[in-house]
Amino acid sequence: MVLSSIAALALSAFASLAQAKPLEAVASFTVIADMVSTVGGDRVHVKSLIGP
């Protein structure tokens, strides 16, 4: 019973993460912005202060 309650709570936490807005990130250079974008994927929106 306790294990099923823990599993239900864990699944509901992952469902809310999937619906969350992407994180906003600002990088100083495009190289760093590319790394952040690659690591974050769809979960992050990256802007670079200095263009290519």
PDB file of N, CA and C in Angstrom:
ATOM      1  N   MET A   1       0.828  -1.189   0.000  1.00  0.00           N
ATOM      2  CA  MET A   1       0.000   0.000   0.000  1.00  0.00           C
ATOM      3  C   MET A   1       0.876   1.258   0.000  1.00  0.00           C
ATOM      4  N   VAL A   2       1.875   1.290   0.856  1.00  0.00           N
ATOM      5  CA  VAL A   2       2.761   2.445   0.931  1.00  0.00           C
ATOM      6  C   VAL A   2       3.546   2.589  -0.369  1.00  0.00           C
ATOM      7  N   LEU A   3       3.995   1.466  -0.911  1.00  0.00           N
ATOM      8  CA  LEU A   3       4.764   1.493  -2.156  1.00  0.00           C
ATOM      9  C   LEU A   3       3.929   2.027  -3.312  1.00  0.00           C
ATOM     10  N   SER A   4       2.667   1.650  -3.378  1.00  0.00           N
ATOM     11  CA  SER A   4       1.811   2.159  -4.454  1.00  0.00           C
ATOM     12  C   SER A   4       1.545   3.656  -4.293  1.00  0.00           C
ATOM     13  N   SER A   5       1.466   4.133  -3.071  1.00  0.00           N
ATOM     14  CA  SER A   5       1.288   5.572  -2.839  1.00  0.00           C
ATOM     15  C   SER A   5       2.523   6.354  -3.270  1.00  0.00           C
ATOM     16  N   ILE A   6       3.696   5.825  -2.962  1.00  0.00           N
ATOM     17  CA  ILE A   6       4.939   6.481  -3.373  1.00  0.00           C
ATOM     18  C   ILE A   6       5.045   6.503  -4.889  1.00  0.00           C
ATOM     19  N   ALA A   7       4.693   5.406  -5.537  1.00  0.00           N
ATOM     20  CA  ALA A   7       4.748   5.345  -6.998  1.00  0.00           C
ATOM     21  C   ALA A   7       3.783   6.345  -7.625  1.00  0.00           C
ATOM     22  N   ALA A   8       2.599   6.488  -7.067  1.00  0.00           N
ATOM     23  CA  ALA A   8       1.624   7.445  -7.598  1.00  0.00           C
ATOM     24  C   ALA A   8       2.122   8.875  -7.454  1.00  0.00           C
ATOM     25  N   LEU A   9       2.720   9.197  -6.326  1.00  0.00           N
ATOM     26  CA  LEU A   9       3.266  10.543  -6.133  1.00  0.00           C
ATOM     27  C   LEU A   9       4.421  10.821  -7.092  1.00  0.00           C
ATOM     28  N   ALA A  10       5.275   9.836  -7.305  1.00  0.00           N
ATOM     29  CA  ALA A  10       6.410  10.018  -8.219  1.00  0.00           C
ATOM     30  C   ALA A  10       5.921  10.236  -9.645  1.00  0.00           C
ATOM     31  N   LEU A  11       4.938   9.475 -10.073  1.00  0.00           N
ATOM     32  CA  LEU A  11       4.411   9.630 -11.434  1.00  0.00           C
ATOM     33  C   LEU A  11       3.729  10.977 -11.620  1.00  0.00           C
ATOM     34  N   SER A  12       3.034  11.460 -10.612  1.00  0.00           N
ATOM     35  CA  SER A  12       2.384  12.766 -10.741  1.00  0.00           C
ATOM     36  C   SER A  12       3.420  13.883 -10.792  1.00  0.00           C
ATOM     37  N   ALA A  13       4.541  13.720 -10.117  1.00  0.00           N
ATOM     38  CA  ALA A  13       5.610  14.724 -10.170  1.00  0.00           C
ATOM     39  C   ALA A  13       6.224  14.774 -11.560  1.00  0.00           C
ATOM     40  N   PHE A  14       6.442  13.622 -12.182  1.00  0.00           N
ATOM     41  CA  PHE A  14       6.998  13.599 -13.532  1.00  0.00           C
ATOM     42  C   PHE A  14       6.012  14.162 -14.543  1.00  0.00           C
ATOM     43  N   ALA A  15       4.732  13.969 -14.343  1.00  0.00           N
ATOM     44  CA  ALA A  15       3.735  14.518 -15.261  1.00  0.00           C
ATOM     45  C   ALA A  15       3.739  16.040 -15.214  1.00  0.00           C
ATOM     46  N   SER A  16       3.901  16.618 -14.035  1.00  0.00           N
ATOM     47  CA  SER A  16       3.930  18.074 -13.941  1.00  0.00           C
ATOM     48  C   SER A  16       5.208  18.637 -14.545  1.00  0.00           C
ATOM     49  N   LEU A  17       6.317  17.911 -14.489  1.00  0.00           N
ATOM     50  CA  LEU A  17       7.555  18.363 -15.124  1.00  0.00           C
ATOM     51  C   LEU A  17       7.419  18.392 -16.638  1.00  0.00           C
ATOM     52  N   ALA A  18       6.686  17.441 -17.188  1.00  0.00           N
ATOM     53  CA  ALA A  18       6.522  17.380 -18.639  1.00  0.00           C
ATOM     54  C   ALA A  18       5.702  18.556 -19.151  1.00  0.00           C
ATOM     55  N   GLN A  19       4.828  19.114 -18.325  1.00  0.00           N
ATOM     56  CA  GLN A  19       3.965  20.209 -18.742  1.00  0.00           C
ATOM     57  C   GLN A  19       4.534  21.575 -18.368  1.00  0.00           C
ATOM     58  N   ALA A  20       5.677  21.611 -17.727  1.00  0.00           N
ATOM     59  CA  ALA A  20       6.256  22.872 -17.272  1.00  0.00           C
ATOM     60  C   ALA A  20       6.801  23.676 -18.446  1.00  0.00           C
ATOM     61  N   LYS A  21       6.823  25.006 -18.276  1.00  0.00           N
ATOM     62  CA  LYS A  21       7.395  25.886 -19.294  1.00  0.00           C
ATOM     63  C   LYS A  21       8.902  25.682 -19.342  1.00  0.00           C
ATOM     64  N   PRO A  22       9.503  25.914 -20.512  1.00  0.00           N
ATOM     65  CA  PRO A  22      10.966  25.802 -20.589  1.00  0.00           C
ATOM     66  C   PRO A  22      11.649  26.858 -19.724  1.00  0.00           C
ATOM     67  N   LEU A  23      12.787  26.512 -19.175  1.00  0.00           N
ATOM     68  CA  LEU A  23      13.579  27.458 -18.394  1.00  0.00           C
ATOM     69  C   LEU A  23      14.193  28.494 -19.327  1.00  0.00           C
ATOM     70  N   GLU A  24      14.281  29.713 -18.864  1.00  0.00           N
ATOM     71  CA  GLU A  24      14.919  30.784 -19.631  1.00  0.00           C
ATOM     72  C   GLU A  24      16.380  30.856 -19.202  1.00  0.00           C
ATOM     73  N   ALA A  25      17.284  30.841 -20.177  1.00  0.00           N
ATOM     74  CA  ALA A  25      18.712  30.928 -19.879  1.00  0.00           C
ATOM     75  C   ALA A  25      19.348  31.967 -20.786  1.00  0.00           C
ATOM     76  N   VAL A  26      20.337  32.668 -20.264  1.00  0.00           N
ATOM     77  CA  VAL A  26      21.086  33.657 -21.036  1.00  0.00           C
ATOM     78  C   VAL A  26      22.558  33.275 -20.963  1.00  0.00           C
ATOM     79  N   ALA A  27      23.190  33.214 -22.133  1.00  0.00           N
ATOM     80  CA  ALA A  27      24.614  32.888 -22.202  1.00  0.00           C
ATOM     81  C   ALA A  27      25.368  34.057 -22.807  1.00  0.00           C
ATOM     82  N   SER A  28      26.618  34.192 -22.419  1.00  0.00           N
ATOM     83  CA  SER A  28      27.407  35.321 -22.914  1.00  0.00           C
ATOM     84  C   SER A  28      27.837  35.127 -24.361  1.00  0.00           C
ATOM     85  N   PHE A  29      28.182  33.917 -24.750  1.00  0.00           N
ATOM     86  CA  PHE A  29      28.659  33.643 -26.103  1.00  0.00           C
ATOM     87  C   PHE A  29      27.841  32.529 -26.736  1.00  0.00           C
ATOM     88  N   THR A  30      27.843  32.483 -28.068  1.00  0.00           N
ATOM     89  CA  THR A  30      27.055  31.475 -28.780  1.00  0.00           C
ATOM     90  C   THR A  30      27.547  30.061 -28.501  1.00  0.00           C
ATOM     91  N   VAL A  31      28.834  29.886 -28.260  1.00  0.00           N
ATOM     92  CA  VAL A  31      29.363  28.552 -27.964  1.00  0.00           C
ATOM     93  C   VAL A  31      28.742  28.018 -26.675  1.00  0.00           C
ATOM     94  N   ILE A  32      28.654  28.866 -25.669  1.00  0.00           N
ATOM     95  CA  ILE A  32      28.049  28.462 -24.397  1.00  0.00           C
ATOM     96  C   ILE A  32      26.553  28.250 -24.577  1.00  0.00           C
ATOM     97  N   ALA A  33      25.903  29.097 -25.363  1.00  0.00           N
ATOM     98  CA  ALA A  33      24.473  28.938 -25.629  1.00  0.00           C
ATOM     99  C   ALA A  33      24.195  27.608 -26.318  1.00  0.00           C
ATOM    100  N   ASP A  34      25.053  27.212 -27.252  1.00  0.00           N
ATOM    101  CA  ASP A  34      24.885  25.922 -27.923  1.00  0.00           C
ATOM    102  C   ASP A  34      25.020  24.759 -26.949  1.00  0.00           C
ATOM    103  N   MET A  35      25.980  24.849 -26.025  1.00  0.00           N
ATOM    104  CA  MET A  35      26.151  23.782 -25.031  1.00  0.00           C
ATOM    105  C   MET A  35      24.924  23.678 -24.130  1.00  0.00           C
ATOM    106  N   VAL A  36      24.422  24.825 -23.672  1.00  0.00           N
ATOM    107  CA  VAL A  36      23.245  24.828 -22.794  1.00  0.00           C
ATOM    108  C   VAL A  36      22.036  24.272 -23.536  1.00  0.00           C
ATOM    109  N   SER A  37      21.880  24.652 -24.786  1.00  0.00           N
ATOM    110  CA  SER A  37      20.761  24.166 -25.591  1.00  0.00           C
ATOM    111  C   SER A  37      20.852  22.659 -25.817  1.00  0.00           C
ATOM    112  N   THR A  38      22.054  22.166 -26.049  1.00  0.00           N
ATOM    113  CA  THR A  38      22.243  20.732 -26.260  1.00  0.00           C
ATOM    114  C   THR A  38      21.931  19.944 -24.996  1.00  0.00           C
ATOM    115  N   VAL A  39      22.387  20.425 -23.870  1.00  0.00           N
ATOM    116  CA  VAL A  39      22.147  19.721 -22.609  1.00  0.00           C
ATOM    117  C   VAL A  39      20.683  19.832 -22.196  1.00  0.00           C
ATOM    118  N   GLY A  40      20.102  21.032 -22.316  1.00  0.00           N
ATOM    119  CA  GLY A  40      18.736  21.259 -21.862  1.00  0.00           C
ATOM    120  C   GLY A  40      17.664  20.751 -22.799  1.00  0.00           C
ATOM    121  N   GLY A  41      17.971  20.694 -24.088  1.00  0.00           N
ATOM    122  CA  GLY A  41      16.991  20.217 -25.065  1.00  0.00           C
ATOM    123  C   GLY A  41      15.750  21.088 -25.092  1.00  0.00           C
ATOM    124  N   ASP A  42      14.589  20.441 -25.055  1.00  0.00           N
ATOM    125  CA  ASP A  42      13.306  21.148 -25.105  1.00  0.00           C
ATOM    126  C   ASP A  42      12.948  21.810 -23.778  1.00  0.00           C
ATOM    127  N   ARG A  43      13.707  21.529 -22.743  1.00  0.00           N
ATOM    128  CA  ARG A  43      13.378  22.064 -21.415  1.00  0.00           C
ATOM    129  C   ARG A  43      13.988  23.423 -21.136  1.00  0.00           C
ATOM    130  N   VAL A  44      14.721  23.978 -22.120  1.00  0.00           N
ATOM    131  CA  VAL A  44      15.381  25.260 -21.899  1.00  0.00           C
ATOM    132  C   VAL A  44      15.289  26.114 -23.158  1.00  0.00           C
ATOM    133  N   HIS A  45      15.109  27.421 -22.961  1.00  0.00           N
ATOM    134  CA  HIS A  45      15.113  28.405 -24.047  1.00  0.00           C
ATOM    135  C   HIS A  45      16.308  29.310 -23.803  1.00  0.00           C
ATOM    136  N   VAL A  46      17.269  29.302 -24.743  1.00  0.00           N
ATOM    137  CA  VAL A  46      18.544  29.983 -24.534  1.00  0.00           C
ATOM    138  C   VAL A  46      18.659  31.198 -25.445  1.00  0.00           C
ATOM    139  N   LYS A  47      19.136  32.309 -24.882  1.00  0.00           N
ATOM    140  CA  LYS A  47      19.463  33.511 -25.648  1.00  0.00           C
ATOM    141  C   LYS A  47      20.939  33.808 -25.448  1.00  0.00           C
ATOM    142  N   SER A  48      21.592  34.259 -26.517  1.00  0.00           N
ATOM    143  CA  SER A  48      23.003  34.612 -26.451  1.00  0.00           C
ATOM    144  C   SER A  48      23.140  36.124 -26.500  1.00  0.00           C
ATOM    145  N   LEU A  49      23.977  36.682 -25.630  1.00  0.00           N
ATOM    146  CA  LEU A  49      24.171  38.129 -25.599  1.00  0.00           C
ATOM    147  C   LEU A  49      24.990  38.622 -26.786  1.00  0.00           C
ATOM    148  N   ILE A  50      25.983  37.848 -27.196  1.00  0.00           N
ATOM    149  CA  ILE A  50      26.850  38.234 -28.305  1.00  0.00           C
ATOM    150  C   ILE A  50      26.588  37.286 -29.464  1.00  0.00           C
ATOM    151  N   GLY A  51      26.242  37.846 -30.619  1.00  0.00           N
ATOM    152  CA  GLY A  51      25.931  37.045 -31.797  1.00  0.00           C
ATOM    153  C   GLY A  51      27.162  36.418 -32.426  1.00  0.00           C
ATOM    154  N   PRO A  52      26.935  35.567 -33.430  1.00  0.00           N
ATOM    155  CA  PRO A  52      28.056  34.880 -34.086  1.00  0.00           C
ATOM    156  C   PRO A  52      28.947  35.825 -34.860  1.00  0.00           C
TER     157      PRO A  52
END
